[in-house]
Amino acid sequence: MKNKKVIILEGADCSGKSSLCEHIQKLSEGKCHTLHSNYSKNLPKSNHRRQHKLITKFIKKQFSNKYYTENHTVILDRSYFSDITYGTIGYGSKGTLRSKFKYFDKLLNIITKTEKINVYFIYCRPNKTKFNPNIKDELLDNQENSLMEYIYDTIIFSETMHYVLNKNKIKFYVYNFNVDSNYKFIDKFLEN
């Protein structure tokens, strides 16, 4: 993991994002910066909308000041599409899908303008949901999490997403912790 990377993670709760984040941080040998977007029913919707804009500003500043050279890897744990999924069930700032793609495209333009940075979009989605709100302190219940998975699938596998990722030459991978629990496939993907 010596070459510079920006890794964007998306997926419903309990889809393996946090574990994958920890694994990537270990691979980067401490040269990793993780930006996590939080969702809470206690926060106003404007906070959810602002956090992605602040992350975009932070990345733009990092790249323009060449501060990014200190970190080989930047992980974005959730992006604009989480607003749509969480917003649908009342926890995020829903907005329009068109506007989220517009902001996402701008974010990718900022990143891909910088040379020698590989950008990866990893959609975390297990075959079978092991979501249990009684065991883990999660925001959602089973029904809400199933709805989120459906909305994510609709967005991530859409023609618009395919177009935006291809246009910006972003490497795309669907990660399934039920299939790749020892990270062999994801490690190969990140090394390419």
C-alpha atoms as a PDB file:
ATOM      1  CA  MET A   1       0.000   0.000   0.000  1.00  0.00           C
ATOM      2  CA  LYS A   2       2.876   2.396  -0.755  1.00  0.00           C
ATOM      3  CA  ASN A   3       1.166   4.158  -3.655  1.00  0.00           C
ATOM      4  CA  LYS A   4      -1.294   6.905  -2.754  1.00  0.00           C
ATOM      5  CA  LYS A   5      -4.937   5.902  -2.530  1.00  0.00           C
ATOM      6  CA  VAL A   6      -8.350   7.388  -1.877  1.00  0.00           C
ATOM      7  CA  ILE A   7     -10.810   4.679  -0.864  1.00  0.00           C
ATOM      8  CA  ILE A   8     -14.535   5.457  -0.733  1.00  0.00           C
ATOM      9  CA  LEU A   9     -16.593   2.976   1.292  1.00  0.00           C
ATOM     10  CA  GLU A  10     -20.362   2.684   1.067  1.00  0.00           C
ATOM     11  CA  GLY A  11     -22.853   0.174   2.433  1.00  0.00           C
ATOM     12  CA  ALA A  12     -25.635  -0.432   4.924  1.00  0.00           C
ATOM     13  CA  ASP A  13     -25.046  -0.987   8.638  1.00  0.00           C
ATOM     14  CA  CYS A  14     -23.258  -4.253   9.512  1.00  0.00           C
ATOM     15  CA  SER A  15     -21.953  -4.695   5.969  1.00  0.00           C
ATOM     16  CA  GLY A  16     -18.304  -4.873   7.087  1.00  0.00           C
ATOM     17  CA  LYS A  17     -17.219  -1.253   6.512  1.00  0.00           C
ATOM     18  CA  SER A  18     -15.653  -0.695   9.948  1.00  0.00           C
ATOM     19  CA  SER A  19     -13.731  -3.995   9.882  1.00  0.00           C
ATOM     20  CA  LEU A  20     -12.534  -3.277   6.338  1.00  0.00           C
ATOM     21  CA  CYS A  21     -11.496   0.228   7.432  1.00  0.00           C
ATOM     22  CA  GLU A  22      -9.366  -1.230  10.247  1.00  0.00           C
ATOM     23  CA  HIS A  23      -7.779  -3.726   7.846  1.00  0.00           C
ATOM     24  CA  ILE A  24      -6.858  -0.981   5.345  1.00  0.00           C
ATOM     25  CA  GLN A  25      -5.433   1.156   8.155  1.00  0.00           C
ATOM     26  CA  LYS A  26      -3.143  -1.734   9.173  1.00  0.00           C
ATOM     27  CA  LEU A  27      -2.036  -2.228   5.558  1.00  0.00           C
ATOM     28  CA  SER A  28      -1.122   1.449   5.277  1.00  0.00           C
ATOM     29  CA  GLU A  29       1.249   1.144   8.277  1.00  0.00           C
ATOM     30  CA  GLY A  30      -0.078   4.256   9.989  1.00  0.00           C
ATOM     31  CA  LYS A  31      -0.043   6.452   6.879  1.00  0.00           C
ATOM     32  CA  CYS A  32      -3.819   6.576   6.634  1.00  0.00           C
ATOM     33  CA  HIS A  33      -6.452   9.205   7.333  1.00  0.00           C
ATOM     34  CA  THR A  34     -10.094   8.135   7.796  1.00  0.00           C
ATOM     35  CA  LEU A  35     -12.998  10.560   7.396  1.00  0.00           C
ATOM     36  CA  HIS A  36     -16.196   9.080   8.793  1.00  0.00           C
ATOM     37  CA  SER A  37     -19.691  10.485   8.224  1.00  0.00           C
ATOM     38  CA  ASN A  38     -22.000  10.029  11.193  1.00  0.00           C
ATOM     39  CA  TYR A  39     -25.776   9.780  11.185  1.00  0.00           C
ATOM     40  CA  SER A  40     -27.934  10.259  14.249  1.00  0.00           C
ATOM     41  CA  LYS A  41     -31.592  10.925  14.926  1.00  0.00           C
ATOM     42  CA  ASN A  42     -30.429  13.440  17.575  1.00  0.00           C
ATOM     43  CA  LEU A  43     -28.719  15.681  14.985  1.00  0.00           C
ATOM     44  CA  PRO A  44     -30.580  18.135  12.738  1.00  0.00           C
ATOM     45  CA  LYS A  45     -30.724  17.145   9.049  1.00  0.00           C
ATOM     46  CA  SER A  46     -28.628  20.167   8.101  1.00  0.00           C
ATOM     47  CA  ASN A  47     -25.689  18.633  10.035  1.00  0.00           C
ATOM     48  CA  HIS A  48     -25.838  15.486   7.906  1.00  0.00           C
ATOM     49  CA  ARG A  49     -25.866  17.519   4.704  1.00  0.00           C
ATOM     50  CA  ARG A  50     -22.986  19.759   5.837  1.00  0.00           C
ATOM     51  CA  GLN A  51     -20.623  16.959   6.875  1.00  0.00           C
ATOM     52  CA  HIS A  52     -20.052  15.744   3.290  1.00  0.00           C
ATOM     53  CA  LYS A  53     -19.468  19.306   2.087  1.00  0.00           C
ATOM     54  CA  LEU A  54     -16.917  19.804   4.878  1.00  0.00           C
ATOM     55  CA  ILE A  55     -15.174  16.543   3.923  1.00  0.00           C
ATOM     56  CA  THR A  56     -15.021  17.709   0.282  1.00  0.00           C
ATOM     57  CA  LYS A  57     -13.517  21.046   1.394  1.00  0.00           C
ATOM     58  CA  PHE A  58     -10.988  19.218   3.567  1.00  0.00           C
ATOM     59  CA  ILE A  59      -9.900  16.993   0.664  1.00  0.00           C
ATOM     60  CA  LYS A  60      -9.626  19.971  -1.681  1.00  0.00           C
ATOM     61  CA  LYS A  61      -7.419  21.777   0.850  1.00  0.00           C
ATOM     62  CA  GLN A  62      -5.295  18.672   1.440  1.00  0.00           C
ATOM     63  CA  PHE A  63      -4.616  18.206  -2.243  1.00  0.00           C
ATOM     64  CA  SER A  64      -4.000  21.871  -3.021  1.00  0.00           C
ATOM     65  CA  ASN A  65      -1.528  22.207  -0.119  1.00  0.00           C
ATOM     66  CA  LYS A  66       0.116  18.867  -0.947  1.00  0.00           C
ATOM     67  CA  TYR A  67      -0.511  17.838   2.653  1.00  0.00           C
ATOM     68  CA  TYR A  68      -1.750  14.549   1.237  1.00  0.00           C
ATOM     69  CA  THR A  69       1.844  13.433   0.569  1.00  0.00           C
ATOM     70  CA  GLU A  70       2.127  12.662   4.298  1.00  0.00           C
ATOM     71  CA  ASN A  71      -0.652  10.063   4.051  1.00  0.00           C
ATOM     72  CA  HIS A  72      -0.547   7.229   1.546  1.00  0.00           C
ATOM     73  CA  THR A  73      -4.229   6.436   2.040  1.00  0.00           C
ATOM     74  CA  VAL A  74      -7.373   8.467   2.673  1.00  0.00           C
ATOM     75  CA  ILE A  75     -10.558   6.527   3.484  1.00  0.00           C
ATOM     76  CA  LEU A  76     -13.962   8.143   3.094  1.00  0.00           C
ATOM     77  CA  ASP A  77     -16.278   6.050   5.251  1.00  0.00           C
ATOM     78  CA  ARG A  78     -19.600   6.914   3.542  1.00  0.00           C
ATOM     79  CA  SER A  79     -20.225   9.609   0.941  1.00  0.00           C
ATOM     80  CA  TYR A  80     -23.139  11.621  -0.435  1.00  0.00           C
ATOM     81  CA  PHE A  81     -25.238   8.509  -1.119  1.00  0.00           C
ATOM     82  CA  SER A  82     -25.619   7.799   2.583  1.00  0.00           C
ATOM     83  CA  ASP A  83     -27.708  10.994   2.732  1.00  0.00           C
ATOM     84  CA  ILE A  84     -30.210   9.399   0.364  1.00  0.00           C
ATOM     85  CA  THR A  85     -30.392   6.068   2.187  1.00  0.00           C
ATOM     86  CA  TYR A  86     -30.512   7.468   5.717  1.00  0.00           C
ATOM     87  CA  GLY A  87     -32.754  10.317   4.549  1.00  0.00           C
ATOM     88  CA  THR A  88     -35.319   7.874   3.181  1.00  0.00           C
ATOM     89  CA  ILE A  89     -35.835   6.454   6.656  1.00  0.00           C
ATOM     90  CA  GLY A  90     -35.750   9.857   8.341  1.00  0.00           C
ATOM     91  CA  TYR A  91     -32.194  10.183   9.719  1.00  0.00           C
ATOM     92  CA  GLY A  92     -30.335  12.063   7.004  1.00  0.00           C
ATOM     93  CA  SER A  93     -30.890  14.989   4.656  1.00  0.00           C
ATOM     94  CA  LYS A  94     -32.546  13.156   1.795  1.00  0.00           C
ATOM     95  CA  GLY A  95     -32.066  15.684  -1.022  1.00  0.00           C
ATOM     96  CA  THR A  96     -32.292  14.494  -4.623  1.00  0.00           C
ATOM     97  CA  LEU A  97     -30.284  11.694  -6.155  1.00  0.00           C
ATOM     98  CA  ARG A  98     -29.358  13.993  -9.023  1.00  0.00           C
ATOM     99  CA  SER A  99     -27.815  16.536  -6.631  1.00  0.00           C
ATOM    100  CA  LYS A 100     -25.881  13.782  -4.793  1.00  0.00           C
ATOM    101  CA  PHE A 101     -24.399  12.522  -8.068  1.00  0.00           C
ATOM    102  CA  LYS A 102     -23.462  16.112  -8.931  1.00  0.00           C
ATOM    103  CA  TYR A 103     -21.621  16.583  -5.601  1.00  0.00           C
ATOM    104  CA  PHE A 104     -20.024  13.131  -5.904  1.00  0.00           C
ATOM    105  CA  ASP A 105     -18.794  13.923  -9.410  1.00  0.00           C
ATOM    106  CA  LYS A 106     -17.253  17.183  -8.131  1.00  0.00           C
ATOM    107  CA  LEU A 107     -15.513  15.274  -5.331  1.00  0.00           C
ATOM    108  CA  LEU A 108     -14.073  12.765  -7.807  1.00  0.00           C
ATOM    109  CA  ASN A 109     -12.917  15.613 -10.066  1.00  0.00           C
ATOM    110  CA  ILE A 110     -10.978  17.140  -7.161  1.00  0.00           C
ATOM    111  CA  ILE A 111      -9.296  13.822  -6.368  1.00  0.00           C
ATOM    112  CA  THR A 112      -8.535  12.694  -9.921  1.00  0.00           C
ATOM    113  CA  LYS A 113      -6.944  16.029 -10.889  1.00  0.00           C
ATOM    114  CA  THR A 114      -4.050  15.087  -8.613  1.00  0.00           C
ATOM    115  CA  GLU A 115      -1.592  12.810 -10.402  1.00  0.00           C
ATOM    116  CA  LYS A 116      -0.484   9.416  -9.125  1.00  0.00           C
ATOM    117  CA  ILE A 117      -3.490   8.820  -6.869  1.00  0.00           C
ATOM    118  CA  ASN A 118      -5.530   5.651  -7.283  1.00  0.00           C
ATOM    119  CA  VAL A 119      -9.200   6.041  -6.399  1.00  0.00           C
ATOM    120  CA  TYR A 120     -11.285   3.046  -5.313  1.00  0.00           C
ATOM    121  CA  PHE A 121     -14.999   2.811  -4.657  1.00  0.00           C
ATOM    122  CA  ILE A 122     -15.855  -0.205  -2.497  1.00  0.00           C
ATOM    123  CA  TYR A 123     -19.475  -1.168  -1.973  1.00  0.00           C
ATOM    124  CA  CYS A 124     -19.767  -3.345   1.123  1.00  0.00           C
ATOM    125  CA  ARG A 125     -22.633  -5.766   0.817  1.00  0.00           C
ATOM    126  CA  PRO A 126     -22.889  -9.207   2.457  1.00  0.00           C
ATOM    127  CA  ASN A 127     -24.895 -12.044   0.904  1.00  0.00           C
ATOM    128  CA  LYS A 128     -26.932 -12.489   4.038  1.00  0.00           C
ATOM    129  CA  THR A 129     -27.517  -9.681   6.506  1.00  0.00           C
ATOM    130  CA  LYS A 130     -26.231 -10.495   9.968  1.00  0.00           C
ATOM    131  CA  PHE A 131     -27.710  -7.310  11.363  1.00  0.00           C
ATOM    132  CA  ASN A 132     -28.909  -7.580  14.966  1.00  0.00           C
ATOM    133  CA  PRO A 133     -29.733  -4.279  16.687  1.00  0.00           C
ATOM    134  CA  ASN A 134     -29.969  -6.083  20.070  1.00  0.00           C
ATOM    135  CA  ILE A 135     -26.322  -7.235  19.937  1.00  0.00           C
ATOM    136  CA  LYS A 136     -24.731  -4.165  18.394  1.00  0.00           C
ATOM    137  CA  ASP A 137     -25.448  -0.537  19.207  1.00  0.00           C
ATOM    138  CA  GLU A 138     -26.882   0.393  15.819  1.00  0.00           C
ATOM    139  CA  LEU A 139     -29.091   3.251  14.734  1.00  0.00           C
ATOM    140  CA  LEU A 140     -31.474   1.147  12.634  1.00  0.00           C
ATOM    141  CA  ASP A 141     -33.775  -1.804  13.178  1.00  0.00           C
ATOM    142  CA  ASN A 142     -33.927  -4.888  10.894  1.00  0.00           C
ATOM    143  CA  GLN A 143     -36.644  -3.522   8.611  1.00  0.00           C
ATOM    144  CA  GLU A 144     -34.899  -0.155   8.175  1.00  0.00           C
ATOM    145  CA  ASN A 145     -31.566  -1.847   7.438  1.00  0.00           C
ATOM    146  CA  SER A 146     -33.164  -4.074   4.769  1.00  0.00           C
ATOM    147  CA  LEU A 147     -34.667  -0.966   3.174  1.00  0.00           C
ATOM    148  CA  MET A 148     -31.233   0.684   3.213  1.00  0.00           C
ATOM    149  CA  GLU A 149     -29.677  -2.302   1.434  1.00  0.00           C
ATOM    150  CA  TYR A 150     -32.351  -2.087  -1.262  1.00  0.00           C
ATOM    151  CA  ILE A 151     -31.814   1.668  -1.761  1.00  0.00           C
ATOM    152  CA  TYR A 152     -28.025   1.246  -1.857  1.00  0.00           C
ATOM    153  CA  ASP A 153     -28.333  -1.518  -4.478  1.00  0.00           C
ATOM    154  CA  THR A 154     -30.573   0.705  -6.610  1.00  0.00           C
ATOM    155  CA  ILE A 155     -28.092   3.604  -6.467  1.00  0.00           C
ATOM    156  CA  ILE A 156     -24.781   1.718  -6.664  1.00  0.00           C
ATOM    157  CA  PHE A 157     -25.777  -0.510  -9.583  1.00  0.00           C
ATOM    158  CA  SER A 158     -27.460   2.297 -11.550  1.00  0.00           C
ATOM    159  CA  GLU A 159     -26.370   3.429 -15.007  1.00  0.00           C
ATOM    160  CA  THR A 160     -25.568   6.889 -13.615  1.00  0.00           C
ATOM    161  CA  MET A 161     -23.148   5.468 -11.041  1.00  0.00           C
ATOM    162  CA  HIS A 162     -21.531   3.300 -13.726  1.00  0.00           C
ATOM    163  CA  TYR A 163     -21.123   6.391 -15.931  1.00  0.00           C
ATOM    164  CA  VAL A 164     -19.659   8.610 -13.152  1.00  0.00           C
ATOM    165  CA  LEU A 165     -17.170   5.943 -11.990  1.00  0.00           C
ATOM    166  CA  ASN A 166     -16.032   5.156 -15.550  1.00  0.00           C
ATOM    167  CA  LYS A 167     -15.760   8.827 -16.510  1.00  0.00           C
ATOM    168  CA  ASN A 168     -13.441   9.465 -13.569  1.00  0.00           C
ATOM    169  CA  LYS A 169     -11.576   6.136 -14.028  1.00  0.00           C
ATOM    170  CA  ILE A 170     -12.515   4.911 -10.556  1.00  0.00           C
ATOM    171  CA  LYS A 171     -11.858   1.270  -9.679  1.00  0.00           C
ATOM    172  CA  PHE A 172     -15.058  -0.367  -8.399  1.00  0.00           C
ATOM    173  CA  TYR A 173     -15.391  -3.437  -6.180  1.00  0.00           C
ATOM    174  CA  VAL A 174     -18.251  -5.120  -4.325  1.00  0.00           C
ATOM    175  CA  TYR A 175     -16.904  -6.418  -1.023  1.00  0.00           C
ATOM    176  CA  ASN A 176     -18.637  -9.306   0.720  1.00  0.00           C
ATOM    177  CA  PHE A 177     -17.251 -10.235   4.145  1.00  0.00           C
ATOM    178  CA  ASN A 178     -19.116 -13.570   4.045  1.00  0.00           C
ATOM    179  CA  VAL A 179     -17.031 -14.554   1.002  1.00  0.00           C
ATOM    180  CA  ASP A 180     -13.764 -12.700   1.707  1.00  0.00           C
ATOM    181  CA  SER A 181     -13.454 -12.655   5.507  1.00  0.00           C
ATOM    182  CA  ASN A 182      -9.644 -12.966   5.328  1.00  0.00           C
ATOM    183  CA  TYR A 183      -9.348 -10.008   2.864  1.00  0.00           C
ATOM    184  CA  LYS A 184      -7.458 -11.943   0.164  1.00  0.00           C
ATOM    185  CA  PHE A 185      -9.548 -10.595  -2.734  1.00  0.00           C
ATOM    186  CA  ILE A 186      -9.701  -7.049  -1.378  1.00  0.00           C
ATOM    187  CA  ASP A 187      -5.912  -7.027  -0.863  1.00  0.00           C
ATOM    188  CA  LYS A 188      -5.365  -8.035  -4.516  1.00  0.00           C
ATOM    189  CA  PHE A 189      -7.844  -5.385  -5.644  1.00  0.00           C
ATOM    190  CA  LEU A 190      -6.088  -2.647  -3.654  1.00  0.00           C
ATOM    191  CA  GLU A 191      -2.641  -3.661  -4.909  1.00  0.00           C
ATOM    192  CA  ASN A 192      -3.651  -3.248  -8.595  1.00  0.00           C
END
